[in-house]
C-alpha cells in the first residue's frame, strides 16, 4: 500500500506559485510583441504599457515591419537609461528589438 500523507491545508499540500501576479502562467522565454497586431491609434500606448510593466532585470522583444526609431526616442525621453535596447534583427522585412529594464 502507498504511503498517504495528510496536510492541514491545501496550501501545505499543493505547492504555491512563486509569482505574485496570480495569473498562473508565465513565459519562460522572452515575450515577443508583434506591434503590427495592435491598432495604430493605441499602438505606442500599448507598447509603453508592456515595456513599463517589466520588472527590473526583465526583458521583452518588440517586432515591427519598420525601424521603430520614434518609439525608441520616446522611450529614452520618458525613461532615460532605465531601459536598454538592442537590435536582434534589422530589416528589411522585420525589425526585432530587445528591451530590458535595467533600473
PDB file of N, CA and C in Angstrom:
ATOM      1  N   UNK A   1       0.848  -1.175   0.000  1.00  0.00           N
ATOM      2  CA  UNK A   1       0.000   0.000   0.000  1.00  0.00           C
ATOM      3  C   UNK A   1       0.891   1.235   0.000  1.00  0.00           C
ATOM      4  N   UNK A   2       0.440   2.282  -0.760  1.00  0.00           N
ATOM      5  CA  UNK A   2       1.184   3.534  -0.834  1.00  0.00           C
ATOM      6  C   UNK A   2       1.058   4.306   0.465  1.00  0.00           C
ATOM      7  N   UNK A   3       2.071   5.130   0.688  1.00  0.00           N
ATOM      8  CA  UNK A   3       2.090   5.997   1.860  1.00  0.00           C
ATOM      9  C   UNK A   3       1.159   7.179   1.635  1.00  0.00           C
ATOM     10  N   UNK A   4       0.289   7.468   2.566  1.00  0.00           N
ATOM     11  CA  UNK A   4      -0.655   8.587   2.457  1.00  0.00           C
ATOM     12  C   UNK A   4      -0.258   9.638   3.478  1.00  0.00           C
ATOM     13  N   UNK A   5      -0.164  10.876   2.978  1.00  0.00           N
ATOM     14  CA  UNK A   5       0.212  11.978   3.840  1.00  0.00           C
ATOM     15  C   UNK A   5      -0.965  12.947   3.936  1.00  0.00           C
ATOM     16  N   UNK A   6      -1.331  13.353   5.142  1.00  0.00           N
ATOM     17  CA  UNK A   6      -2.443  14.267   5.349  1.00  0.00           C
ATOM     18  C   UNK A   6      -1.876  15.630   5.754  1.00  0.00           C
ATOM     19  N   UNK A   7      -2.324  16.667   5.054  1.00  0.00           N
ATOM     20  CA  UNK A   7      -1.867  18.026   5.323  1.00  0.00           C
ATOM     21  C   UNK A   7      -2.969  18.807   6.028  1.00  0.00           C
ATOM     22  N   UNK A   8      -2.606  19.848   6.726  1.00  0.00           N
ATOM     23  CA  UNK A   8      -3.568  20.685   7.439  1.00  0.00           C
ATOM     24  C   UNK A   8      -4.364  21.591   6.521  1.00  0.00           C
ATOM     25  N   UNK A   9      -3.768  21.980   5.371  1.00  0.00           N
ATOM     26  CA  UNK A   9      -4.459  22.897   4.467  1.00  0.00           C
ATOM     27  C   UNK A   9      -4.059  22.595   3.029  1.00  0.00           C
ATOM     28  N   UNK A  10      -4.822  23.166   2.102  1.00  0.00           N
ATOM     29  CA  UNK A  10      -4.499  22.996   0.687  1.00  0.00           C
ATOM     30  C   UNK A  10      -3.141  23.628   0.390  1.00  0.00           C
ATOM     31  N   UNK A  11      -2.849  24.791   1.012  1.00  0.00           N
ATOM     32  CA  UNK A  11      -1.585  25.474   0.799  1.00  0.00           C
ATOM     33  C   UNK A  11      -0.397  24.599   1.205  1.00  0.00           C
ATOM     34  N   UNK A  12      -0.568  23.818   2.251  1.00  0.00           N
ATOM     35  CA  UNK A  12       0.505  22.910   2.679  1.00  0.00           C
ATOM     36  C   UNK A  12       0.643  21.726   1.725  1.00  0.00           C
ATOM     37  N   UNK A  13      -0.456  21.304   1.142  1.00  0.00           N
ATOM     38  CA  UNK A  13      -0.447  20.107   0.296  1.00  0.00           C
ATOM     39  C   UNK A  13      -0.033  20.385  -1.143  1.00  0.00           C
ATOM     40  N   UNK A  14      -0.387  21.555  -1.655  1.00  0.00           N
ATOM     41  CA  UNK A  14      -0.130  21.877  -3.059  1.00  0.00           C
ATOM     42  C   UNK A  14       0.890  22.997  -3.128  1.00  0.00           C
ATOM     43  N   UNK A  15       2.000  22.777  -3.821  1.00  0.00           N
ATOM     44  CA  UNK A  15       2.985  23.860  -3.953  1.00  0.00           C
ATOM     45  C   UNK A  15       2.341  25.095  -4.586  1.00  0.00           C
ATOM     46  N   UNK A  16       2.606  26.262  -4.007  1.00  0.00           N
ATOM     47  CA  UNK A  16       2.035  27.505  -4.493  1.00  0.00           C
ATOM     48  C   UNK A  16       2.980  28.152  -5.490  1.00  0.00           C
ATOM     49  N   UNK A  17       2.424  28.850  -6.484  1.00  0.00           N
ATOM     50  CA  UNK A  17       3.275  29.543  -7.450  1.00  0.00           C
ATOM     51  C   UNK A  17       4.087  30.625  -6.758  1.00  0.00           C
ATOM     52  N   UNK A  18       5.291  30.862  -7.276  1.00  0.00           N
ATOM     53  CA  UNK A  18       6.153  31.877  -6.677  1.00  0.00           C
ATOM     54  C   UNK A  18       5.844  33.258  -7.206  1.00  0.00           C
ATOM     55  N   UNK A  19       5.000  33.352  -8.207  1.00  0.00           N
ATOM     56  CA  UNK A  19       4.642  34.640  -8.793  1.00  0.00           C
ATOM     57  C   UNK A  19       3.647  35.347  -7.903  1.00  0.00           C
ATOM     58  N   UNK A  20       3.737  36.672  -7.879  1.00  0.00           N
ATOM     59  CA  UNK A  20       2.799  37.434  -7.079  1.00  0.00           C
ATOM     60  C   UNK A  20       1.610  37.931  -7.883  1.00  0.00           C
ATOM     61  N   UNK A  21       1.599  37.684  -9.201  1.00  0.00           N
ATOM     62  CA  UNK A  21       0.519  38.256 -10.004  1.00  0.00           C
ATOM     63  C   UNK A  21      -0.746  37.407  -9.965  1.00  0.00           C
ATOM     64  N   UNK A  22      -0.640  36.112  -9.695  1.00  0.00           N
ATOM     65  CA  UNK A  22      -1.811  35.270  -9.571  1.00  0.00           C
ATOM     66  C   UNK A  22      -2.433  34.803 -10.868  1.00  0.00           C
ATOM     67  N   UNK A  23      -1.810  35.103 -12.013  1.00  0.00           N
ATOM     68  CA  UNK A  23      -2.427  34.697 -13.280  1.00  0.00           C
ATOM     69  C   UNK A  23      -2.199  33.213 -13.563  1.00  0.00           C
ATOM     70  N   UNK A  24      -1.195  32.623 -12.935  1.00  0.00           N
ATOM     71  CA  UNK A  24      -0.973  31.191 -13.083  1.00  0.00           C
ATOM     72  C   UNK A  24      -0.134  30.776 -14.263  1.00  0.00           C
ATOM     73  N   UNK A  25       0.227  31.672 -15.134  1.00  0.00           N
ATOM     74  CA  UNK A  25       1.041  31.305 -16.290  1.00  0.00           C
ATOM     75  C   UNK A  25       2.126  32.322 -16.532  1.00  0.00           C
ATOM     76  N   UNK A  26       3.325  31.836 -16.796  1.00  0.00           N
ATOM     77  CA  UNK A  26       4.450  32.737 -17.009  1.00  0.00           C
ATOM     78  C   UNK A  26       5.335  32.207 -18.115  1.00  0.00           C
ATOM     79  N   UNK A  27       5.806  33.122 -18.946  1.00  0.00           N
ATOM     80  CA  UNK A  27       6.673  32.754 -20.049  1.00  0.00           C
ATOM     81  C   UNK A  27       8.070  32.469 -19.540  1.00  0.00           C
ATOM     82  N   UNK A  28       8.598  31.330 -19.920  1.00  0.00           N
ATOM     83  CA  UNK A  28       9.978  31.013 -19.601  1.00  0.00           C
ATOM     84  C   UNK A  28      10.898  31.715 -20.591  1.00  0.00           C
ATOM     85  N   UNK A  29      10.419  31.913 -21.810  1.00  0.00           N
ATOM     86  CA  UNK A  29      11.187  32.606 -22.817  1.00  0.00           C
ATOM     87  C   UNK A  29      10.812  34.077 -22.783  1.00  0.00           C
ATOM     88  N   UNK A  30      11.588  34.882 -23.515  1.00  0.00           N
ATOM     89  CA  UNK A  30      11.266  36.297 -23.610  1.00  0.00           C
ATOM     90  C   UNK A  30       9.939  36.484 -24.329  1.00  0.00           C
ATOM     91  N   UNK A  31       9.042  37.279 -23.774  1.00  0.00           N
ATOM     92  CA  UNK A  31       7.808  37.560 -24.505  1.00  0.00           C
ATOM     93  C   UNK A  31       8.133  38.434 -25.721  1.00  0.00           C
ATOM     94  N   UNK A  32       7.432  38.165 -26.827  1.00  0.00           N
ATOM     95  CA  UNK A  32       7.631  38.957 -28.038  1.00  0.00           C
ATOM     96  C   UNK A  32       6.300  39.569 -28.442  1.00  0.00           C
ATOM     97  N   UNK A  33       6.322  40.876 -28.650  1.00  0.00           N
ATOM     98  CA  UNK A  33       5.129  41.617 -29.012  1.00  0.00           C
ATOM     99  C   UNK A  33       5.258  42.069 -30.458  1.00  0.00           C
ATOM    100  N   UNK A  34       4.390  41.532 -31.327  1.00  0.00           N
ATOM    101  CA  UNK A  34       4.340  41.965 -32.721  1.00  0.00           C
ATOM    102  C   UNK A  34       3.471  43.211 -32.752  1.00  0.00           C
ATOM    103  N   UNK A  35       4.092  44.361 -32.878  1.00  0.00           N
ATOM    104  CA  UNK A  35       3.359  45.617 -32.750  1.00  0.00           C
ATOM    105  C   UNK A  35       2.399  45.853 -33.902  1.00  0.00           C
ATOM    106  N   UNK A  36       2.562  45.164 -35.018  1.00  0.00           N
ATOM    107  CA  UNK A  36       1.658  45.335 -36.146  1.00  0.00           C
ATOM    108  C   UNK A  36       0.261  44.817 -35.827  1.00  0.00           C
ATOM    109  N   UNK A  37       0.127  43.992 -34.804  1.00  0.00           N
ATOM    110  CA  UNK A  37      -1.181  43.450 -34.429  1.00  0.00           C
ATOM    111  C   UNK A  37      -1.982  44.412 -33.554  1.00  0.00           C
ATOM    112  N   UNK A  38      -1.361  45.510 -33.136  1.00  0.00           N
ATOM    113  CA  UNK A  38      -2.015  46.492 -32.265  1.00  0.00           C
ATOM    114  C   UNK A  38      -2.571  47.617 -33.136  1.00  0.00           C
ATOM    115  N   UNK A  39      -3.827  48.026 -32.950  1.00  0.00           N
ATOM    116  CA  UNK A  39      -4.374  49.135 -33.742  1.00  0.00           C
ATOM    117  C   UNK A  39      -3.498  50.383 -33.625  1.00  0.00           C
ATOM    118  N   UNK A  40      -3.286  51.042 -34.743  1.00  0.00           N
ATOM    119  CA  UNK A  40      -2.373  52.183 -34.795  1.00  0.00           C
ATOM    120  C   UNK A  40      -2.723  53.267 -33.781  1.00  0.00           C
ATOM    121  N   UNK A  41      -3.998  53.521 -33.551  1.00  0.00           N
ATOM    122  CA  UNK A  41      -4.425  54.591 -32.650  1.00  0.00           C
ATOM    123  C   UNK A  41      -3.939  54.399 -31.214  1.00  0.00           C
ATOM    124  N   UNK A  42      -3.706  53.162 -30.807  1.00  0.00           N
ATOM    125  CA  UNK A  42      -3.280  52.895 -29.426  1.00  0.00           C
ATOM    126  C   UNK A  42      -1.935  52.162 -29.359  1.00  0.00           C
ATOM    127  N   UNK A  43      -1.254  52.084 -30.482  1.00  0.00           N
ATOM    128  CA  UNK A  43      -0.036  51.260 -30.560  1.00  0.00           C
ATOM    129  C   UNK A  43       1.026  51.686 -29.556  1.00  0.00           C
ATOM    130  N   UNK A  44       1.443  52.959 -29.569  1.00  0.00           N
ATOM    131  CA  UNK A  44       2.527  53.364 -28.663  1.00  0.00           C
ATOM    132  C   UNK A  44       2.110  53.233 -27.207  1.00  0.00           C
ATOM    133  N   UNK A  45       0.877  53.562 -26.892  1.00  0.00           N
ATOM    134  CA  UNK A  45       0.408  53.428 -25.510  1.00  0.00           C
ATOM    135  C   UNK A  45       0.457  51.968 -25.052  1.00  0.00           C
ATOM    136  N   UNK A  46       0.053  51.056 -25.929  1.00  0.00           N
ATOM    137  CA  UNK A  46       0.075  49.633 -25.583  1.00  0.00           C
ATOM    138  C   UNK A  46       1.504  49.137 -25.409  1.00  0.00           C
ATOM    139  N   UNK A  47       2.394  49.576 -26.279  1.00  0.00           N
ATOM    140  CA  UNK A  47       3.800  49.160 -26.169  1.00  0.00           C
ATOM    141  C   UNK A  47       4.398  49.679 -24.877  1.00  0.00           C
ATOM    142  N   UNK A  48       4.143  50.966 -24.570  1.00  0.00           N
ATOM    143  CA  UNK A  48       4.675  51.515 -23.325  1.00  0.00           C
ATOM    144  C   UNK A  48       4.090  50.810 -22.111  1.00  0.00           C
ATOM    145  N   UNK A  49       2.834  50.437 -22.165  1.00  0.00           N
ATOM    146  CA  UNK A  49       2.245  49.676 -21.064  1.00  0.00           C
ATOM    147  C   UNK A  49       2.981  48.366 -20.841  1.00  0.00           C
ATOM    148  N   UNK A  50       3.293  47.669 -21.923  1.00  0.00           N
ATOM    149  CA  UNK A  50       4.013  46.399 -21.815  1.00  0.00           C
ATOM    150  C   UNK A  50       5.436  46.616 -21.313  1.00  0.00           C
ATOM    151  N   UNK A  51       6.128  47.581 -21.888  1.00  0.00           N
ATOM    152  CA  UNK A  51       7.522  47.838 -21.509  1.00  0.00           C
ATOM    153  C   UNK A  51       7.612  48.296 -20.057  1.00  0.00           C
ATOM    154  N   UNK A  52       6.732  49.208 -19.665  1.00  0.00           N
ATOM    155  CA  UNK A  52       6.777  49.747 -18.306  1.00  0.00           C
ATOM    156  C   UNK A  52       6.351  48.727 -17.257  1.00  0.00           C
ATOM    157  N   UNK A  53       5.750  47.618 -17.666  1.00  0.00           N
ATOM    158  CA  UNK A  53       5.378  46.577 -16.707  1.00  0.00           C
ATOM    159  C   UNK A  53       6.529  45.606 -16.435  1.00  0.00           C
ATOM    160  N   UNK A  54       7.627  45.730 -17.178  1.00  0.00           N
ATOM    161  CA  UNK A  54       8.766  44.837 -16.952  1.00  0.00           C
ATOM    162  C   UNK A  54       9.385  45.109 -15.595  1.00  0.00           C
ATOM    163  N   UNK A  55       9.581  44.068 -14.818  1.00  0.00           N
ATOM    164  CA  UNK A  55      10.241  44.231 -13.526  1.00  0.00           C
ATOM    165  C   UNK A  55      11.741  44.435 -13.771  1.00  0.00           C
ATOM    166  N   UNK A  56      12.470  44.994 -12.821  1.00  0.00           N
ATOM    167  CA  UNK A  56      13.909  45.196 -13.021  1.00  0.00           C
ATOM    168  C   UNK A  56      14.611  43.890 -13.415  1.00  0.00           C
ATOM    169  N   UNK A  57      15.405  43.975 -14.468  1.00  0.00           N
ATOM    170  CA  UNK A  57      16.125  42.818 -14.978  1.00  0.00           C
ATOM    171  C   UNK A  57      15.383  42.051 -16.054  1.00  0.00           C
ATOM    172  N   UNK A  58      14.076  42.246 -16.155  1.00  0.00           N
ATOM    173  CA  UNK A  58      13.276  41.522 -17.146  1.00  0.00           C
ATOM    174  C   UNK A  58      13.378  42.206 -18.506  1.00  0.00           C
ATOM    175  N   UNK A  59      13.047  41.434 -19.541  1.00  0.00           N
ATOM    176  CA  UNK A  59      13.153  41.949 -20.899  1.00  0.00           C
ATOM    177  C   UNK A  59      12.020  41.406 -21.751  1.00  0.00           C
ATOM    178  N   UNK A  60      11.840  42.059 -22.897  1.00  0.00           N
ATOM    179  CA  UNK A  60      10.888  41.603 -23.889  1.00  0.00           C
ATOM    180  C   UNK A  60      11.420  41.993 -25.260  1.00  0.00           C
ATOM    181  N   UNK A  61      10.804  41.444 -26.291  1.00  0.00           N
ATOM    182  CA  UNK A  61      11.172  41.767 -27.667  1.00  0.00           C
ATOM    183  C   UNK A  61       9.969  42.404 -28.333  1.00  0.00           C
ATOM    184  N   UNK A  62      10.213  43.519 -29.033  1.00  0.00           N
ATOM    185  CA  UNK A  62       9.163  44.067 -29.877  1.00  0.00           C
ATOM    186  C   UNK A  62       9.548  43.797 -31.324  1.00  0.00           C
ATOM    187  N   UNK A  63       8.548  43.538 -32.138  1.00  0.00           N
ATOM    188  CA  UNK A  63       8.746  43.180 -33.537  1.00  0.00           C
ATOM    189  C   UNK A  63       7.885  44.098 -34.392  1.00  0.00           C
ATOM    190  N   UNK A  64       8.507  44.689 -35.435  1.00  0.00           N
ATOM    191  CA  UNK A  64       7.784  45.619 -36.304  1.00  0.00           C
ATOM    192  C   UNK A  64       8.243  45.449 -37.744  1.00  0.00           C
ATOM    193  N   UNK A  65       7.440  45.971 -38.662  1.00  0.00           N
ATOM    194  CA  UNK A  65       7.795  45.899 -40.078  1.00  0.00           C
ATOM    195  C   UNK A  65       8.597  47.114 -40.518  1.00  0.00           C
ATOM    196  N   UNK A  66       8.952  47.988 -39.585  1.00  0.00           N
ATOM    197  CA  UNK A  66       9.783  49.151 -39.874  1.00  0.00           C
ATOM    198  C   UNK A  66      10.678  49.405 -38.667  1.00  0.00           C
ATOM    199  N   UNK A  67      11.711  50.194 -38.863  1.00  0.00           N
ATOM    200  CA  UNK A  67      12.606  50.541 -37.767  1.00  0.00           C
ATOM    201  C   UNK A  67      11.875  51.521 -36.846  1.00  0.00           C
ATOM    202  N   UNK A  68      11.597  51.143 -35.592  1.00  0.00           N
ATOM    203  CA  UNK A  68      10.773  51.976 -34.716  1.00  0.00           C
ATOM    204  C   UNK A  68      11.563  53.085 -34.013  1.00  0.00           C
ATOM    205  N   UNK A  69      12.301  53.870 -34.776  1.00  0.00           N
ATOM    206  CA  UNK A  69      13.112  54.938 -34.194  1.00  0.00           C
ATOM    207  C   UNK A  69      12.296  55.942 -33.380  1.00  0.00           C
ATOM    208  N   UNK A  70      11.112  56.391 -33.841  1.00  0.00           N
ATOM    209  CA  UNK A  70      10.336  57.319 -32.998  1.00  0.00           C
ATOM    210  C   UNK A  70       9.962  56.715 -31.639  1.00  0.00           C
ATOM    211  N   UNK A  71       9.591  55.452 -31.631  1.00  0.00           N
ATOM    212  CA  UNK A  71       9.247  54.781 -30.377  1.00  0.00           C
ATOM    213  C   UNK A  71      10.458  54.719 -29.450  1.00  0.00           C
ATOM    214  N   UNK A  72      11.611  54.363 -29.985  1.00  0.00           N
ATOM    215  CA  UNK A  72      12.822  54.274 -29.166  1.00  0.00           C
ATOM    216  C   UNK A  72      13.213  55.649 -28.621  1.00  0.00           C
ATOM    217  N   UNK A  73      13.030  56.696 -29.416  1.00  0.00           N
ATOM    218  CA  UNK A  73      13.309  58.053 -28.942  1.00  0.00           C
ATOM    219  C   UNK A  73      12.356  58.435 -27.812  1.00  0.00           C
ATOM    220  N   UNK A  74      11.092  58.067 -27.942  1.00  0.00           N
ATOM    221  CA  UNK A  74      10.116  58.342 -26.881  1.00  0.00           C
ATOM    222  C   UNK A  74      10.473  57.575 -25.612  1.00  0.00           C
ATOM    223  N   UNK A  75      10.904  56.329 -25.760  1.00  0.00           N
ATOM    224  CA  UNK A  75      11.296  55.518 -24.606  1.00  0.00           C
ATOM    225  C   UNK A  75      12.448  56.191 -23.857  1.00  0.00           C
ATOM    226  N   UNK A  76      13.437  56.653 -24.594  1.00  0.00           N
ATOM    227  CA  UNK A  76      14.570  57.323 -23.963  1.00  0.00           C
ATOM    228  C   UNK A  76      14.148  58.637 -23.314  1.00  0.00           C
ATOM    229  N   UNK A  77      13.289  59.397 -23.981  1.00  0.00           N
ATOM    230  CA  UNK A  77      12.824  60.668 -23.428  1.00  0.00           C
ATOM    231  C   UNK A  77      12.027  60.459 -22.135  1.00  0.00           C
ATOM    232  N   UNK A  78      11.251  59.394 -22.081  1.00  0.00           N
ATOM    233  CA  UNK A  78      10.412  59.125 -20.908  1.00  0.00           C
ATOM    234  C   UNK A  78      11.188  58.522 -19.749  1.00  0.00           C
ATOM    235  N   UNK A  79      12.179  57.663 -20.075  1.00  0.00           N
ATOM    236  CA  UNK A  79      12.815  56.865 -19.022  1.00  0.00           C
ATOM    237  C   UNK A  79      14.333  56.983 -18.957  1.00  0.00           C
ATOM    238  N   UNK A  80      14.932  57.804 -19.789  1.00  0.00           N
ATOM    239  CA  UNK A  80      16.381  57.946 -19.770  1.00  0.00           C
ATOM    240  C   UNK A  80      17.054  56.618 -20.055  1.00  0.00           C
ATOM    241  N   UNK A  81      17.979  56.251 -19.200  1.00  0.00           N
ATOM    242  CA  UNK A  81      18.718  54.998 -19.412  1.00  0.00           C
ATOM    243  C   UNK A  81      18.179  53.838 -18.568  1.00  0.00           C
ATOM    244  N   UNK A  82      16.931  53.917 -18.132  1.00  0.00           N
ATOM    245  CA  UNK A  82      16.330  52.845 -17.324  1.00  0.00           C
ATOM    246  C   UNK A  82      16.070  51.586 -18.147  1.00  0.00           C
ATOM    247  N   UNK A  83      15.988  51.743 -19.485  1.00  0.00           N
ATOM    248  CA  UNK A  83      15.781  50.606 -20.375  1.00  0.00           C
ATOM    249  C   UNK A  83      16.899  50.573 -21.403  1.00  0.00           C
ATOM    250  N   UNK A  84      17.485  49.405 -21.584  1.00  0.00           N
ATOM    251  CA  UNK A  84      18.488  49.221 -22.638  1.00  0.00           C
ATOM    252  C   UNK A  84      17.820  48.535 -23.817  1.00  0.00           C
ATOM    253  N   UNK A  85      18.209  48.935 -25.010  1.00  0.00           N
ATOM    254  CA  UNK A  85      17.670  48.321 -26.224  1.00  0.00           C
ATOM    255  C   UNK A  85      18.809  47.762 -27.063  1.00  0.00           C
ATOM    256  N   UNK A  86      18.491  46.678 -27.791  1.00  0.00           N
ATOM    257  CA  UNK A  86      19.475  46.061 -28.684  1.00  0.00           C
ATOM    258  C   UNK A  86      18.728  45.430 -29.847  1.00  0.00           C
ATOM    259  N   UNK A  87      19.162  45.746 -31.047  1.00  0.00           N
ATOM    260  CA  UNK A  87      18.541  45.156 -32.225  1.00  0.00           C
ATOM    261  C   UNK A  87      18.919  43.678 -32.325  1.00  0.00           C
ATOM    262  N   UNK A  88      17.917  42.843 -32.528  1.00  0.00           N
ATOM    263  CA  UNK A  88      18.151  41.423 -32.797  1.00  0.00           C
ATOM    264  C   UNK A  88      18.093  41.156 -34.302  1.00  0.00           C
ATOM    265  N   UNK A  89      17.189  41.854 -34.989  1.00  0.00           N
ATOM    266  CA  UNK A  89      17.066  41.801 -36.446  1.00  0.00           C
ATOM    267  C   UNK A  89      16.858  43.222 -36.936  1.00  0.00           C
ATOM    268  N   UNK A  90      17.526  43.584 -38.054  1.00  0.00           N
ATOM    269  CA  UNK A  90      17.439  44.944 -38.587  1.00  0.00           C
ATOM    270  C   UNK A  90      16.955  44.948 -40.029  1.00  0.00           C
ATOM    271  N   UNK A  91      15.741  44.476 -40.240  1.00  0.00           N
ATOM    272  CA  UNK A  91      15.103  44.551 -41.548  1.00  0.00           C
ATOM    273  C   UNK A  91      15.737  43.660 -42.592  1.00  0.00           C
ATOM    274  N   UNK A  92      15.324  43.783 -43.807  1.00  0.00           N
ATOM    275  CA  UNK A  92      14.431  44.826 -44.309  1.00  0.00           C
ATOM    276  C   UNK A  92      12.948  44.505 -44.101  1.00  0.00           C
ATOM    277  N   UNK A  93      12.597  43.262 -43.813  1.00  0.00           N
ATOM    278  CA  UNK A  93      11.183  42.905 -43.646  1.00  0.00           C
ATOM    279  C   UNK A  93      10.719  42.998 -42.197  1.00  0.00           C
ATOM    280  N   UNK A  94      11.611  42.779 -41.250  1.00  0.00           N
ATOM    281  CA  UNK A  94      11.220  42.729 -39.844  1.00  0.00           C
ATOM    282  C   UNK A  94      12.359  43.296 -38.993  1.00  0.00           C
ATOM    283  N   UNK A  95      11.991  44.164 -38.053  1.00  0.00           N
ATOM    284  CA  UNK A  95      12.925  44.667 -37.059  1.00  0.00           C
ATOM    285  C   UNK A  95      12.491  44.083 -35.725  1.00  0.00           C
ATOM    286  N   UNK A  96      13.429  43.502 -35.009  1.00  0.00           N
ATOM    287  CA  UNK A  96      13.159  42.949 -33.675  1.00  0.00           C
ATOM    288  C   UNK A  96      14.136  43.591 -32.711  1.00  0.00           C
ATOM    289  N   UNK A  97      13.599  44.153 -31.618  1.00  0.00           N
ATOM    290  CA  UNK A  97      14.429  44.873 -30.645  1.00  0.00           C
ATOM    291  C   UNK A  97      14.191  44.305 -29.260  1.00  0.00           C
ATOM    292  N   UNK A  98      15.283  43.965 -28.613  1.00  0.00           N
ATOM    293  CA  UNK A  98      15.246  43.520 -27.216  1.00  0.00           C
ATOM    294  C   UNK A  98      15.211  44.771 -26.344  1.00  0.00           C
ATOM    295  N   UNK A  99      14.267  44.825 -25.414  1.00  0.00           N
ATOM    296  CA  UNK A  99      14.163  45.930 -24.470  1.00  0.00           C
ATOM    297  C   UNK A  99      14.259  45.347 -23.066  1.00  0.00           C
ATOM    298  N   UNK A 100      15.235  45.828 -22.286  1.00  0.00           N
ATOM    299  CA  UNK A 100      15.445  45.297 -20.927  1.00  0.00           C
ATOM    300  C   UNK A 100      15.349  46.433 -19.913  1.00  0.00           C
ATOM    301  N   UNK A 101      14.642  46.168 -18.819  1.00  0.00           N
ATOM    302  CA  UNK A 101      14.550  47.112 -17.709  1.00  0.00           C
ATOM    303  C   UNK A 101      15.805  46.942 -16.860  1.00  0.00           C
ATOM    304  N   UNK A 102      16.660  47.943 -16.858  1.00  0.00           N
ATOM    305  CA  UNK A 102      17.908  47.860 -16.100  1.00  0.00           C
ATOM    306  C   UNK A 102      17.867  48.721 -14.843  1.00  0.00           C
ATOM    307  N   UNK A 103      16.707  49.278 -14.544  1.00  0.00           N
ATOM    308  CA  UNK A 103      16.580  50.148 -13.359  1.00  0.00           C
ATOM    309  C   UNK A 103      16.667  49.344 -12.085  1.00  0.00           C
TER     310      UNK A 103
END
